[in-house]
Amino acid sequence: TLTGACIVALGPSIAGVFTPSDDLAIEVLTASEISGEKFWRMPLEESYWESMKSGIADMVNTGGRPGGAITAALFLKQFVDEKVQWMHIDLAGPVYSDKKRSATGFGVATLVEWVVKNSS
């Protein structure tokens, strides 16, 4: 899954960010720096889409283990109009603390920072 593969790639304290928009990535990553939350932009490597093609259906719903977070994000991309700026933030790793056995609230400060900056 996207979430599982992202946790394998980035560990329990960094959220993965997928977006084709450099501008949106800069905005959200800047907000994360201000908030002190760790976000890392992941690539949307289009060549990986080859593993998602199907001879029967429009596409398969999983691209296999190698590059799993990327192929899962490429799958999501298929459902967004090209004119729409979009971002998937995979924060399943840092959103829960196994040590405390509770939610961390990770991501809220970054998104509030981004919304406030873009609301005026």
Foldseek 3Di string as FASTA:
>chain_A
DLLVLVCVVPNQQEKEKEWPDPVVVVLLCVLCVVLVGHYDYDDLPVVLQVQQPDPPDRTHCASDNVVGNNNNVVVVVVVDPPVDTDMDIRNPRHQADPVVRGGDCPPPSSVVSSCVVPVD
